């Protein structure tokens, strides 16, 4: 099957049963990832990056395309896929070519909002992820972004492809990424339009929690503390 299939045993072992009162959230746990079923959030431990190159990604696996990404994480992409399944989301379809129409079909899937949480004066500061990017030419912050859960795919030998590429959240289209944007956007270097926003992104290596939520309402437009 084309998409990563979650073994039932993995889901049962990863989702801790909630034996506390009903007011308490059910929690799922993976290395570097926490799933809050009550809040419908996936929280991923990350570190910030200050790349000099234009961006192709918002988040990648540590040790991969860090030179063109805002965040890196040690979390496995397949665990993020599983975490989103636990929220009840089903992956859509990555970028692909349709020979019948001779056109590239943009990614689609359940929409997501992404936020970045840091600490300021010992208090959490949460910003929409798109504000951590700015236009390469104008230096203006990016407009509101909504990402989509496309789910990467399996390779011919059954490996979850994003585990190999390290592609987690992209800002241009890649068919092997877990999360993409729903518009056609080329990865050609001449067309890349975003860079990291030094006004908001902390120094390289700073701890950041990336928060993913189903996009059930418009994204926030300002940092909150």
N, C-alpha and C. Protein backbone atom coordinates (compact mmCIF):
# COMPACT_ATOMS: atom_id res chain seq x y z
N UNK A 1 0.85 -1.20 0.00
CA UNK A 1 0.00 0.00 0.00
C UNK A 1 0.88 1.24 0.00
N UNK A 2 0.39 2.28 -0.65
CA UNK A 2 1.21 3.44 -0.91
C UNK A 2 1.60 4.18 0.36
N UNK A 3 0.70 4.31 1.31
CA UNK A 3 0.97 5.11 2.49
C UNK A 3 1.40 4.24 3.67
N UNK A 4 2.06 4.87 4.60
CA UNK A 4 2.51 4.21 5.82
C UNK A 4 1.30 3.70 6.59
N UNK A 5 1.26 2.42 6.90
CA UNK A 5 0.15 1.84 7.65
C UNK A 5 0.60 1.63 9.08
N UNK A 6 -0.17 2.12 10.01
CA UNK A 6 0.16 2.03 11.43
C UNK A 6 -0.22 0.66 11.96
N UNK A 7 0.73 -0.14 12.43
CA UNK A 7 0.38 -1.40 13.06
C UNK A 7 -0.44 -1.15 14.31
N UNK A 8 -1.46 -1.95 14.50
CA UNK A 8 -2.34 -1.77 15.65
C UNK A 8 -1.56 -1.87 16.95
N UNK A 9 -0.59 -2.76 16.99
CA UNK A 9 0.20 -2.91 18.22
C UNK A 9 0.94 -1.63 18.55
N UNK A 10 1.49 -0.96 17.54
CA UNK A 10 2.22 0.28 17.77
C UNK A 10 1.30 1.35 18.33
N UNK A 11 0.09 1.46 17.78
CA UNK A 11 -0.84 2.45 18.28
C UNK A 11 -1.22 2.17 19.72
N UNK A 12 -1.50 0.92 20.03
CA UNK A 12 -1.92 0.58 21.39
C UNK A 12 -0.81 0.81 22.39
N UNK A 13 0.44 0.53 22.00
CA UNK A 13 1.55 0.69 22.93
C UNK A 13 1.94 2.15 23.08
N UNK A 14 1.67 2.97 22.06
CA UNK A 14 2.08 4.37 22.10
C UNK A 14 1.06 5.26 22.78
N UNK A 15 -0.20 4.89 22.74
CA UNK A 15 -1.27 5.69 23.32
C UNK A 15 -1.52 5.19 24.73
N UNK A 16 -1.14 6.00 25.72
CA UNK A 16 -1.30 5.59 27.10
C UNK A 16 -2.76 5.72 27.51
N UNK A 17 -3.33 4.67 28.05
CA UNK A 17 -4.73 4.70 28.45
C UNK A 17 -4.95 5.75 29.52
N UNK A 18 -6.07 6.45 29.39
CA UNK A 18 -6.39 7.53 30.33
C UNK A 18 -7.28 6.96 31.43
N UNK A 19 -6.69 6.66 32.58
CA UNK A 19 -7.45 6.11 33.69
C UNK A 19 -7.82 7.17 34.70
N UNK A 20 -7.42 8.42 34.44
CA UNK A 20 -7.74 9.53 35.33
C UNK A 20 -9.12 10.07 34.98
N UNK A 21 -9.63 11.06 35.74
CA UNK A 21 -10.95 11.60 35.45
C UNK A 21 -11.07 12.11 34.02
N UNK A 22 -12.30 12.20 33.54
CA UNK A 22 -12.56 12.55 32.15
C UNK A 22 -12.05 13.93 31.77
N UNK A 23 -11.79 14.75 32.76
CA UNK A 23 -11.30 16.10 32.47
C UNK A 23 -9.83 16.10 32.08
N UNK A 24 -9.13 14.98 32.27
CA UNK A 24 -7.72 14.91 31.94
C UNK A 24 -7.53 14.47 30.49
N UNK A 25 -6.53 15.03 29.79
CA UNK A 25 -6.33 14.65 28.39
C UNK A 25 -5.71 13.27 28.26
N UNK A 26 -6.04 12.58 27.16
CA UNK A 26 -5.35 11.34 26.81
C UNK A 26 -4.08 11.73 26.07
N UNK A 27 -2.98 11.08 26.41
CA UNK A 27 -1.68 11.46 25.87
C UNK A 27 -1.06 10.29 25.11
N UNK A 28 -0.52 10.57 23.94
CA UNK A 28 0.29 9.62 23.21
C UNK A 28 1.72 10.10 23.23
N UNK A 29 2.67 9.18 23.27
CA UNK A 29 4.07 9.59 23.44
C UNK A 29 4.96 8.82 22.47
N UNK A 30 5.79 9.54 21.75
CA UNK A 30 6.86 8.98 20.94
C UNK A 30 8.14 9.74 21.32
N UNK A 31 9.30 9.23 20.94
CA UNK A 31 10.52 10.02 21.20
C UNK A 31 10.43 11.39 20.54
N UNK A 32 10.52 12.43 21.36
CA UNK A 32 10.51 13.83 20.91
C UNK A 32 9.16 14.31 20.40
N UNK A 33 8.12 13.52 20.58
CA UNK A 33 6.77 13.90 20.13
C UNK A 33 5.77 13.58 21.22
N UNK A 34 4.85 14.52 21.45
CA UNK A 34 3.74 14.29 22.37
C UNK A 34 2.43 14.58 21.65
N UNK A 35 1.45 13.72 21.86
CA UNK A 35 0.13 13.87 21.26
C UNK A 35 -0.88 14.13 22.36
N UNK A 36 -1.56 15.25 22.29
CA UNK A 36 -2.61 15.58 23.24
C UNK A 36 -3.94 15.43 22.52
N UNK A 37 -4.64 14.33 22.80
CA UNK A 37 -5.88 14.04 22.08
C UNK A 37 -7.00 14.99 22.46
N UNK A 38 -6.99 15.47 23.69
CA UNK A 38 -8.05 16.39 24.11
C UNK A 38 -7.91 17.73 23.41
N UNK A 39 -6.70 18.26 23.36
CA UNK A 39 -6.46 19.54 22.69
C UNK A 39 -6.33 19.38 21.18
N UNK A 40 -6.20 18.13 20.71
CA UNK A 40 -5.96 17.84 19.30
C UNK A 40 -4.69 18.55 18.83
N UNK A 41 -3.63 18.28 19.56
CA UNK A 41 -2.33 18.88 19.26
C UNK A 41 -1.26 17.80 19.17
N UNK A 42 -0.31 18.04 18.28
CA UNK A 42 0.94 17.28 18.25
C UNK A 42 2.06 18.26 18.55
N UNK A 43 2.86 17.96 19.56
CA UNK A 43 3.96 18.83 19.98
C UNK A 43 5.28 18.11 19.72
N UNK A 44 6.18 18.77 19.01
CA UNK A 44 7.43 18.16 18.58
C UNK A 44 8.61 18.96 19.12
N UNK A 45 9.53 18.29 19.79
CA UNK A 45 10.74 18.94 20.28
C UNK A 45 11.67 19.25 19.11
N UNK A 46 12.05 20.51 18.98
CA UNK A 46 12.89 20.94 17.86
C UNK A 46 14.00 21.86 18.37
N UNK A 47 14.87 22.23 17.44
CA UNK A 47 15.87 23.27 17.66
C UNK A 47 15.81 24.25 16.49
N UNK A 48 16.08 25.52 16.77
CA UNK A 48 16.06 26.53 15.73
C UNK A 48 17.31 26.48 14.88
N UNK A 49 17.18 26.99 13.65
CA UNK A 49 18.30 27.11 12.73
C UNK A 49 18.31 28.53 12.16
N UNK A 50 19.47 29.01 11.79
CA UNK A 50 19.61 30.33 11.16
C UNK A 50 20.30 30.16 9.81
N UNK A 51 19.63 29.55 8.84
CA UNK A 51 20.30 29.24 7.58
C UNK A 51 20.55 30.48 6.73
N UNK A 52 21.60 30.45 5.95
CA UNK A 52 21.90 31.56 5.03
C UNK A 52 21.26 31.35 3.67
N UNK A 53 20.78 30.15 3.40
CA UNK A 53 20.16 29.83 2.12
C UNK A 53 18.66 30.13 2.17
N UNK A 54 18.02 30.42 1.02
CA UNK A 54 16.56 30.48 0.98
C UNK A 54 15.95 29.15 1.40
N UNK A 55 14.74 29.20 1.89
CA UNK A 55 14.11 28.04 2.52
C UNK A 55 13.41 27.12 1.52
N UNK A 56 13.61 25.83 1.72
CA UNK A 56 12.79 24.83 1.07
C UNK A 56 11.93 24.09 2.09
N UNK A 57 12.31 24.21 3.36
CA UNK A 57 11.60 23.50 4.42
C UNK A 57 11.38 24.42 5.62
N UNK A 58 10.38 24.06 6.41
CA UNK A 58 10.25 24.69 7.71
C UNK A 58 10.87 23.81 8.78
N UNK A 59 10.77 22.50 8.62
CA UNK A 59 11.36 21.58 9.60
C UNK A 59 11.87 20.34 8.89
N UNK A 60 13.07 19.91 9.30
CA UNK A 60 13.66 18.69 8.76
C UNK A 60 14.21 17.86 9.91
N UNK A 61 14.48 16.61 9.61
CA UNK A 61 15.13 15.74 10.58
C UNK A 61 16.59 16.17 10.75
N UNK A 62 17.06 16.14 11.98
CA UNK A 62 18.44 16.53 12.29
C UNK A 62 19.43 15.79 11.40
N UNK A 63 20.37 16.54 10.83
CA UNK A 63 21.40 15.94 10.02
C UNK A 63 21.05 15.85 8.54
N UNK A 64 19.90 16.40 8.14
CA UNK A 64 19.54 16.35 6.72
C UNK A 64 19.65 17.77 6.14
N UNK A 65 18.58 18.32 5.59
CA UNK A 65 18.66 19.60 4.86
C UNK A 65 18.59 20.81 5.79
N UNK A 66 19.46 20.85 6.79
CA UNK A 66 19.41 21.92 7.78
C UNK A 66 19.79 23.28 7.19
N UNK A 67 20.51 23.29 6.08
CA UNK A 67 20.97 24.55 5.49
C UNK A 67 19.85 25.33 4.81
N UNK A 68 18.65 24.74 4.73
CA UNK A 68 17.52 25.41 4.08
C UNK A 68 16.22 25.18 4.84
N UNK A 69 16.35 25.16 6.17
CA UNK A 69 15.19 24.91 7.03
C UNK A 69 15.25 25.81 8.26
N UNK A 70 14.09 26.09 8.84
CA UNK A 70 14.01 26.93 10.04
C UNK A 70 14.22 26.11 11.31
N UNK A 71 13.75 24.86 11.29
CA UNK A 71 13.85 23.99 12.46
C UNK A 71 14.44 22.64 12.09
N UNK A 72 15.03 21.99 13.08
CA UNK A 72 15.44 20.60 12.95
C UNK A 72 14.89 19.84 14.16
N UNK A 73 14.71 18.54 13.99
CA UNK A 73 14.21 17.72 15.09
C UNK A 73 14.79 16.32 14.99
N UNK A 74 14.93 15.67 16.15
CA UNK A 74 15.36 14.28 16.18
C UNK A 74 14.18 13.32 16.07
N UNK A 75 12.96 13.87 16.03
CA UNK A 75 11.78 13.02 15.89
C UNK A 75 11.78 12.32 14.53
N UNK A 76 11.30 11.09 14.50
CA UNK A 76 11.19 10.35 13.25
C UNK A 76 9.95 10.82 12.47
N UNK A 77 10.08 11.07 11.17
CA UNK A 77 8.91 11.45 10.38
C UNK A 77 7.77 10.44 10.46
N UNK A 78 8.08 9.15 10.50
CA UNK A 78 7.00 8.16 10.56
C UNK A 78 6.24 8.26 11.89
N UNK A 79 6.90 8.68 12.95
CA UNK A 79 6.20 8.87 14.22
C UNK A 79 5.28 10.09 14.15
N UNK A 80 5.70 11.13 13.45
CA UNK A 80 4.81 12.26 13.25
C UNK A 80 3.59 11.84 12.45
N UNK A 81 3.79 11.06 11.41
CA UNK A 81 2.66 10.53 10.62
C UNK A 81 1.68 9.80 11.54
N UNK A 82 2.21 8.93 12.38
CA UNK A 82 1.37 8.18 13.31
C UNK A 82 0.64 9.11 14.27
N UNK A 83 1.34 10.12 14.76
CA UNK A 83 0.72 11.08 15.69
C UNK A 83 -0.47 11.78 15.04
N UNK A 84 -0.33 12.15 13.78
CA UNK A 84 -1.45 12.81 13.08
C UNK A 84 -2.59 11.84 12.85
N UNK A 85 -2.29 10.57 12.60
CA UNK A 85 -3.35 9.56 12.51
C UNK A 85 -4.12 9.46 13.82
N UNK A 86 -3.40 9.59 14.93
CA UNK A 86 -4.03 9.50 16.25
C UNK A 86 -5.02 10.64 16.48
N UNK A 87 -4.83 11.77 15.78
CA UNK A 87 -5.79 12.88 15.87
C UNK A 87 -7.01 12.65 14.99
N UNK A 88 -7.00 11.54 14.24
CA UNK A 88 -8.13 11.25 13.36
C UNK A 88 -7.95 11.77 11.95
N UNK A 89 -6.73 12.23 11.61
CA UNK A 89 -6.48 12.76 10.27
C UNK A 89 -5.99 11.65 9.36
N UNK A 90 -6.39 11.71 8.11
CA UNK A 90 -5.93 10.75 7.11
C UNK A 90 -5.12 11.49 6.05
N UNK A 91 -3.97 10.96 5.67
CA UNK A 91 -3.11 11.68 4.71
C UNK A 91 -3.78 11.83 3.36
N UNK A 92 -3.45 12.93 2.71
CA UNK A 92 -3.96 13.17 1.37
C UNK A 92 -3.02 12.62 0.32
N UNK A 93 -2.69 13.45 -0.66
CA UNK A 93 -1.85 13.02 -1.77
C UNK A 93 -0.74 14.04 -1.99
N UNK A 94 0.52 13.59 -2.06
CA UNK A 94 1.61 14.53 -2.35
C UNK A 94 1.54 15.06 -3.78
N UNK A 95 2.39 16.01 -4.06
CA UNK A 95 2.56 16.49 -5.42
C UNK A 95 2.74 15.32 -6.37
N UNK A 96 2.05 15.35 -7.52
CA UNK A 96 2.23 14.28 -8.49
C UNK A 96 1.86 14.77 -9.89
N UNK A 97 2.38 14.08 -10.87
CA UNK A 97 2.12 14.41 -12.27
C UNK A 97 1.00 13.55 -12.80
N UNK A 98 0.04 14.17 -13.49
CA UNK A 98 -1.09 13.47 -14.09
C UNK A 98 -0.89 13.42 -15.60
N UNK A 99 -0.48 12.26 -16.13
CA UNK A 99 -0.22 12.18 -17.57
C UNK A 99 -1.47 12.41 -18.41
N UNK A 100 -2.64 12.12 -17.87
CA UNK A 100 -3.87 12.29 -18.64
C UNK A 100 -4.12 13.76 -18.98
N UNK A 101 -3.78 14.65 -18.06
CA UNK A 101 -3.98 16.08 -18.29
C UNK A 101 -2.68 16.81 -18.58
N UNK A 102 -1.55 16.09 -18.47
CA UNK A 102 -0.24 16.67 -18.69
C UNK A 102 -0.01 17.85 -17.74
N UNK A 103 -0.43 17.66 -16.48
CA UNK A 103 -0.29 18.72 -15.49
C UNK A 103 0.21 18.15 -14.17
N UNK A 104 0.89 19.02 -13.41
CA UNK A 104 1.27 18.68 -12.04
C UNK A 104 0.08 18.98 -11.13
N UNK A 105 -0.24 18.04 -10.28
CA UNK A 105 -1.37 18.18 -9.36
C UNK A 105 -0.81 18.60 -8.00
N UNK A 106 -1.28 19.72 -7.44
CA UNK A 106 -0.72 20.19 -6.15
C UNK A 106 -1.06 19.24 -5.01
N UNK A 107 -0.27 19.29 -3.95
CA UNK A 107 -0.57 18.45 -2.78
C UNK A 107 -1.94 18.79 -2.19
N UNK A 108 -2.56 17.78 -1.60
CA UNK A 108 -3.78 18.06 -0.85
C UNK A 108 -3.86 17.07 0.31
N UNK A 109 -4.65 17.45 1.31
CA UNK A 109 -4.82 16.63 2.51
C UNK A 109 -5.43 17.47 3.60
N UNK A 110 -5.61 16.90 4.79
CA UNK A 110 -6.18 17.66 5.91
C UNK A 110 -5.34 18.89 6.21
N UNK A 111 -5.95 20.08 6.30
CA UNK A 111 -5.17 21.29 6.57
C UNK A 111 -4.70 21.36 8.01
N UNK A 112 -3.53 21.97 8.19
CA UNK A 112 -2.92 22.09 9.51
C UNK A 112 -2.46 23.52 9.75
N UNK A 113 -2.55 23.94 11.00
CA UNK A 113 -1.88 25.16 11.45
C UNK A 113 -0.65 24.73 12.25
N UNK A 114 0.42 25.49 12.11
CA UNK A 114 1.67 25.19 12.80
C UNK A 114 2.10 26.41 13.59
N UNK A 115 2.50 26.16 14.85
CA UNK A 115 2.95 27.23 15.74
C UNK A 115 4.30 26.85 16.31
N UNK A 116 5.03 27.86 16.76
CA UNK A 116 6.33 27.65 17.40
C UNK A 116 6.28 28.22 18.81
N UNK A 117 6.65 27.41 19.78
CA UNK A 117 6.65 27.83 21.18
C UNK A 117 8.09 27.94 21.68
N UNK A 118 8.42 29.11 22.21
CA UNK A 118 9.71 29.33 22.84
C UNK A 118 9.45 29.89 24.25
N UNK A 119 10.53 30.15 24.96
CA UNK A 119 10.42 30.72 26.30
C UNK A 119 10.94 32.15 26.29
N UNK A 120 10.19 33.06 26.90
CA UNK A 120 10.63 34.44 27.06
C UNK A 120 10.33 34.87 28.47
N UNK A 121 11.37 35.25 29.22
CA UNK A 121 11.21 35.65 30.62
C UNK A 121 10.50 34.54 31.41
N UNK A 122 10.89 33.29 31.13
CA UNK A 122 10.34 32.10 31.81
C UNK A 122 8.86 31.89 31.53
N UNK A 123 8.34 32.50 30.47
CA UNK A 123 6.96 32.30 30.06
C UNK A 123 6.93 31.80 28.62
N UNK A 124 5.95 30.95 28.27
CA UNK A 124 5.88 30.47 26.89
C UNK A 124 5.44 31.58 25.95
N UNK A 125 6.09 31.67 24.81
CA UNK A 125 5.72 32.60 23.75
C UNK A 125 5.42 31.76 22.51
N UNK A 126 4.19 31.86 22.03
CA UNK A 126 3.74 31.05 20.90
C UNK A 126 3.48 31.95 19.70
N UNK A 127 4.12 31.64 18.58
CA UNK A 127 3.99 32.42 17.35
C UNK A 127 3.54 31.52 16.21
N UNK A 128 2.69 32.03 15.32
CA UNK A 128 2.41 31.28 14.09
C UNK A 128 3.70 31.01 13.34
N UNK A 129 3.86 29.80 12.84
CA UNK A 129 5.12 29.41 12.21
C UNK A 129 5.46 30.29 11.01
N UNK A 130 4.45 30.72 10.26
CA UNK A 130 4.76 31.49 9.06
C UNK A 130 5.44 32.81 9.38
N UNK A 131 5.22 33.35 10.59
CA UNK A 131 5.89 34.59 10.96
C UNK A 131 7.39 34.40 11.14
N UNK A 132 7.84 33.15 11.26
CA UNK A 132 9.26 32.86 11.38
C UNK A 132 9.95 32.86 10.02
N UNK A 133 9.19 33.20 8.98
CA UNK A 133 9.75 33.32 7.63
C UNK A 133 9.49 34.72 7.10
N UNK A 134 10.36 35.20 6.23
CA UNK A 134 10.14 36.50 5.59
C UNK A 134 10.53 36.39 4.12
N UNK A 135 10.01 37.33 3.33
CA UNK A 135 10.29 37.34 1.90
C UNK A 135 11.77 37.68 1.65
N UNK A 136 12.40 36.93 0.77
CA UNK A 136 13.81 37.12 0.48
C UNK A 136 14.09 38.53 -0.02
N UNK A 137 13.20 39.07 -0.84
CA UNK A 137 13.45 40.38 -1.45
C UNK A 137 12.94 41.54 -0.59
N UNK A 138 11.69 41.46 -0.16
CA UNK A 138 11.08 42.58 0.56
C UNK A 138 11.41 42.59 2.05
N UNK A 139 11.82 41.43 2.59
CA UNK A 139 12.09 41.25 4.01
C UNK A 139 10.82 41.39 4.86
N UNK A 140 9.67 41.30 4.24
CA UNK A 140 8.41 41.34 4.97
C UNK A 140 8.02 39.94 5.44
N UNK A 141 7.41 39.83 6.63
CA UNK A 141 6.99 38.50 7.12
C UNK A 141 6.05 37.82 6.13
N UNK A 142 6.11 36.50 6.11
CA UNK A 142 5.23 35.72 5.24
C UNK A 142 3.77 35.92 5.63
N UNK A 143 2.85 35.83 4.68
CA UNK A 143 1.43 35.90 5.00
C UNK A 143 0.99 34.60 5.68
N UNK A 144 -0.23 34.55 6.20
CA UNK A 144 -0.70 33.31 6.85
C UNK A 144 -0.58 32.10 5.95
N UNK A 145 -0.02 31.05 6.52
CA UNK A 145 0.16 29.77 5.83
C UNK A 145 -0.79 28.74 6.42
N UNK A 146 -1.34 27.90 5.56
CA UNK A 146 -1.98 26.66 6.01
C UNK A 146 -1.28 25.52 5.29
N UNK A 147 -0.77 24.57 6.06
CA UNK A 147 -0.11 23.41 5.49
C UNK A 147 -1.10 22.25 5.34
N UNK A 148 -0.71 21.19 4.64
CA UNK A 148 -1.56 20.01 4.49
C UNK A 148 -0.76 18.74 4.79
N UNK A 149 -1.44 17.78 5.39
CA UNK A 149 -0.85 16.49 5.74
C UNK A 149 -0.94 15.57 4.53
N UNK A 150 0.19 15.42 3.83
CA UNK A 150 0.21 14.57 2.64
C UNK A 150 0.72 13.16 2.94
N UNK A 151 1.60 13.03 3.93
CA UNK A 151 1.94 11.71 4.42
C UNK A 151 3.12 11.00 3.81
N UNK A 152 3.91 11.67 2.94
CA UNK A 152 5.03 11.00 2.31
C UNK A 152 4.55 9.71 1.64
N UNK A 153 5.38 8.70 1.55
CA UNK A 153 4.97 7.42 0.97
C UNK A 153 6.00 6.35 1.31
N UNK A 154 5.68 5.12 0.96
CA UNK A 154 6.61 4.02 1.16
C UNK A 154 7.49 3.85 -0.07
N UNK A 155 8.75 3.50 0.16
CA UNK A 155 9.64 3.16 -0.94
C UNK A 155 9.35 1.73 -1.38
N UNK A 156 10.01 1.32 -2.45
CA UNK A 156 9.78 -0.03 -2.98
C UNK A 156 10.13 -1.12 -1.98
N UNK A 157 11.07 -0.82 -1.06
CA UNK A 157 11.44 -1.84 -0.07
C UNK A 157 10.66 -1.70 1.23
N UNK A 158 9.63 -0.83 1.24
CA UNK A 158 8.75 -0.72 2.39
C UNK A 158 9.19 0.28 3.44
N UNK A 159 10.23 1.07 3.15
CA UNK A 159 10.69 2.08 4.10
C UNK A 159 9.86 3.34 3.96
N UNK A 160 9.55 3.97 5.09
CA UNK A 160 8.85 5.25 5.05
C UNK A 160 9.81 6.29 4.49
N UNK A 161 9.46 6.86 3.32
CA UNK A 161 10.42 7.66 2.55
C UNK A 161 10.95 8.86 3.31
N UNK A 162 10.10 9.54 4.08
CA UNK A 162 10.54 10.75 4.79
C UNK A 162 11.58 10.43 5.86
N UNK A 163 11.62 9.18 6.33
CA UNK A 163 12.69 8.81 7.27
C UNK A 163 14.06 8.89 6.59
N UNK A 164 14.09 8.64 5.28
CA UNK A 164 15.34 8.68 4.53
C UNK A 164 15.71 10.09 4.12
N UNK A 165 14.73 10.85 3.65
CA UNK A 165 15.01 12.21 3.17
C UNK A 165 15.12 13.21 4.30
N UNK A 166 14.42 12.96 5.40
CA UNK A 166 14.37 13.91 6.50
C UNK A 166 13.36 15.02 6.29
N UNK A 167 12.54 14.93 5.24
CA UNK A 167 11.58 15.98 4.92
C UNK A 167 10.38 15.87 5.85
N UNK A 168 10.15 16.90 6.66
CA UNK A 168 9.04 16.88 7.62
C UNK A 168 7.99 17.91 7.26
N UNK A 169 8.35 19.19 7.24
CA UNK A 169 7.43 20.25 6.83
C UNK A 169 8.12 21.06 5.74
N UNK A 170 7.53 21.12 4.57
CA UNK A 170 8.16 21.85 3.47
C UNK A 170 7.42 23.15 3.18
N UNK A 171 8.11 24.07 2.51
CA UNK A 171 7.50 25.33 2.07
C UNK A 171 7.50 25.43 0.56
N UNK A 172 8.06 24.42 -0.11
CA UNK A 172 7.88 24.20 -1.54
C UNK A 172 7.55 22.71 -1.69
N UNK A 173 7.11 22.31 -2.86
CA UNK A 173 6.56 20.96 -3.00
C UNK A 173 7.63 19.88 -3.10
N UNK A 174 7.47 18.84 -2.29
CA UNK A 174 8.25 17.62 -2.38
C UNK A 174 7.31 16.44 -2.16
N UNK A 175 7.39 15.45 -3.03
CA UNK A 175 6.44 14.34 -2.92
C UNK A 175 6.76 13.41 -1.75
N UNK A 176 7.93 13.56 -1.13
CA UNK A 176 8.31 12.67 -0.03
C UNK A 176 8.16 13.32 1.34
N UNK A 177 7.65 14.54 1.40
CA UNK A 177 7.52 15.22 2.67
C UNK A 177 6.28 14.75 3.43
N UNK A 178 6.28 14.86 4.74
CA UNK A 178 5.11 14.51 5.55
C UNK A 178 4.04 15.59 5.43
N UNK A 179 4.46 16.85 5.47
CA UNK A 179 3.55 18.00 5.45
C UNK A 179 4.02 18.98 4.38
N UNK A 180 3.10 19.39 3.51
CA UNK A 180 3.45 20.25 2.39
C UNK A 180 2.51 21.46 2.38
N UNK A 181 2.68 22.33 1.38
CA UNK A 181 1.75 23.43 1.19
C UNK A 181 0.80 23.06 0.05
N UNK A 182 -0.43 23.58 0.06
CA UNK A 182 -1.43 23.13 -0.93
C UNK A 182 -1.35 23.85 -2.27
N UNK A 183 -0.34 24.69 -2.49
CA UNK A 183 -0.17 25.37 -3.76
C UNK A 183 1.03 24.79 -4.50
N UNK A 184 1.01 24.86 -5.81
CA UNK A 184 2.19 24.47 -6.57
C UNK A 184 3.31 25.45 -6.30
N UNK A 185 4.45 24.95 -5.86
CA UNK A 185 5.60 25.80 -5.54
C UNK A 185 6.87 25.03 -5.87
N UNK A 186 7.61 25.50 -6.83
CA UNK A 186 8.80 24.81 -7.31
C UNK A 186 9.94 24.94 -6.32
N UNK A 187 10.80 23.91 -6.31
CA UNK A 187 12.01 23.93 -5.49
C UNK A 187 13.20 24.49 -6.26
N UNK A 188 12.97 25.00 -7.46
CA UNK A 188 14.04 25.63 -8.24
C UNK A 188 14.61 26.81 -7.45
N UNK A 189 15.92 26.87 -7.36
CA UNK A 189 16.56 27.91 -6.54
C UNK A 189 16.17 29.32 -6.96
N UNK A 190 15.86 29.52 -8.24
CA UNK A 190 15.52 30.85 -8.73
C UNK A 190 14.14 31.31 -8.28
N UNK A 191 13.32 30.37 -7.83
CA UNK A 191 11.94 30.72 -7.45
C UNK A 191 11.71 30.73 -5.95
N UNK A 192 12.71 30.34 -5.16
CA UNK A 192 12.53 30.29 -3.70
C UNK A 192 12.32 31.71 -3.17
N UNK A 193 11.27 31.88 -2.35
CA UNK A 193 10.94 33.24 -1.93
C UNK A 193 11.03 33.50 -0.43
N UNK A 194 11.34 32.47 0.37
CA UNK A 194 11.34 32.67 1.82
C UNK A 194 12.72 32.44 2.42
N UNK A 195 13.00 33.17 3.49
CA UNK A 195 14.18 32.96 4.31
C UNK A 195 13.75 33.04 5.77
N UNK A 196 14.62 32.63 6.68
CA UNK A 196 14.24 32.69 8.09
C UNK A 196 14.16 34.15 8.53
N UNK A 197 13.27 34.41 9.48
CA UNK A 197 13.05 35.77 9.98
C UNK A 197 13.89 35.98 11.24
N UNK A 198 15.00 36.71 11.15
CA UNK A 198 15.89 36.88 12.32
C UNK A 198 15.25 37.69 13.44
N UNK A 199 14.15 38.37 13.16
CA UNK A 199 13.47 39.13 14.21
C UNK A 199 12.74 38.22 15.20
N UNK A 200 12.43 36.99 14.78
CA UNK A 200 11.69 36.08 15.64
C UNK A 200 12.42 34.78 15.92
N UNK A 201 13.16 34.26 14.96
CA UNK A 201 13.82 32.97 15.14
C UNK A 201 15.01 33.13 16.08
N UNK A 202 15.06 32.37 17.17
CA UNK A 202 16.19 32.48 18.10
C UNK A 202 17.46 31.89 17.50
N UNK A 203 18.61 32.10 18.16
CA UNK A 203 19.88 31.59 17.63
C UNK A 203 19.85 30.08 17.40
N UNK A 204 20.67 29.66 16.48
CA UNK A 204 20.76 28.23 16.15
C UNK A 204 20.97 27.38 17.39
N UNK A 205 20.20 26.31 17.49
CA UNK A 205 20.31 25.38 18.61
C UNK A 205 19.38 25.68 19.76
N UNK A 206 18.64 26.79 19.69
CA UNK A 206 17.70 27.12 20.77
C UNK A 206 16.54 26.13 20.77
N UNK A 207 16.06 25.72 21.95
CA UNK A 207 14.93 24.79 22.00
C UNK A 207 13.64 25.46 21.53
N UNK A 208 12.90 24.75 20.71
CA UNK A 208 11.63 25.21 20.17
C UNK A 208 10.67 24.02 20.17
N UNK A 209 9.43 24.26 20.56
CA UNK A 209 8.40 23.25 20.41
C UNK A 209 7.53 23.62 19.21
N UNK A 210 7.50 22.75 18.23
CA UNK A 210 6.62 22.96 17.08
C UNK A 210 5.27 22.31 17.38
N UNK A 211 4.20 23.08 17.25
CA UNK A 211 2.85 22.62 17.59
C UNK A 211 2.03 22.51 16.32
N UNK A 212 1.45 21.35 16.09
CA UNK A 212 0.59 21.11 14.94
C UNK A 212 -0.84 20.92 15.41
N UNK A 213 -1.78 21.59 14.73
CA UNK A 213 -3.21 21.46 15.06
C UNK A 213 -4.01 21.36 13.77
N UNK A 214 -5.09 20.56 13.76
CA UNK A 214 -5.99 20.59 12.60
C UNK A 214 -6.53 22.01 12.40
N UNK A 215 -6.59 22.43 11.15
CA UNK A 215 -6.99 23.81 10.84
C UNK A 215 -8.51 23.91 10.78
N UNK A 216 -9.12 24.03 11.94
CA UNK A 216 -10.57 24.12 12.02
C UNK A 216 -11.05 25.56 12.05
N UNK A 217 -10.11 26.52 12.12
CA UNK A 217 -10.44 27.93 12.08
C UNK A 217 -9.21 28.67 11.55
N UNK A 218 -9.36 29.94 11.14
CA UNK A 218 -8.20 30.67 10.60
C UNK A 218 -7.06 30.71 11.61
N UNK A 219 -5.80 30.71 11.11
CA UNK A 219 -4.65 30.72 12.02
C UNK A 219 -4.53 32.04 12.76
N UNK A 220 -3.91 32.00 13.93
CA UNK A 220 -3.60 33.23 14.65
C UNK A 220 -2.64 34.07 13.81
N UNK A 221 -2.67 35.37 14.01
CA UNK A 221 -1.81 36.25 13.22
C UNK A 221 -0.76 36.97 14.05
N UNK A 222 -0.78 36.77 15.38
CA UNK A 222 0.17 37.45 16.25
C UNK A 222 0.72 36.48 17.28
N UNK A 223 1.96 36.71 17.73
CA UNK A 223 2.48 35.91 18.85
C UNK A 223 1.63 36.10 20.09
N UNK A 224 1.52 35.06 20.91
CA UNK A 224 0.79 35.15 22.17
C UNK A 224 1.67 34.70 23.30
N UNK A 225 1.48 35.33 24.46
CA UNK A 225 2.31 34.99 25.64
C UNK A 225 1.41 34.69 26.81
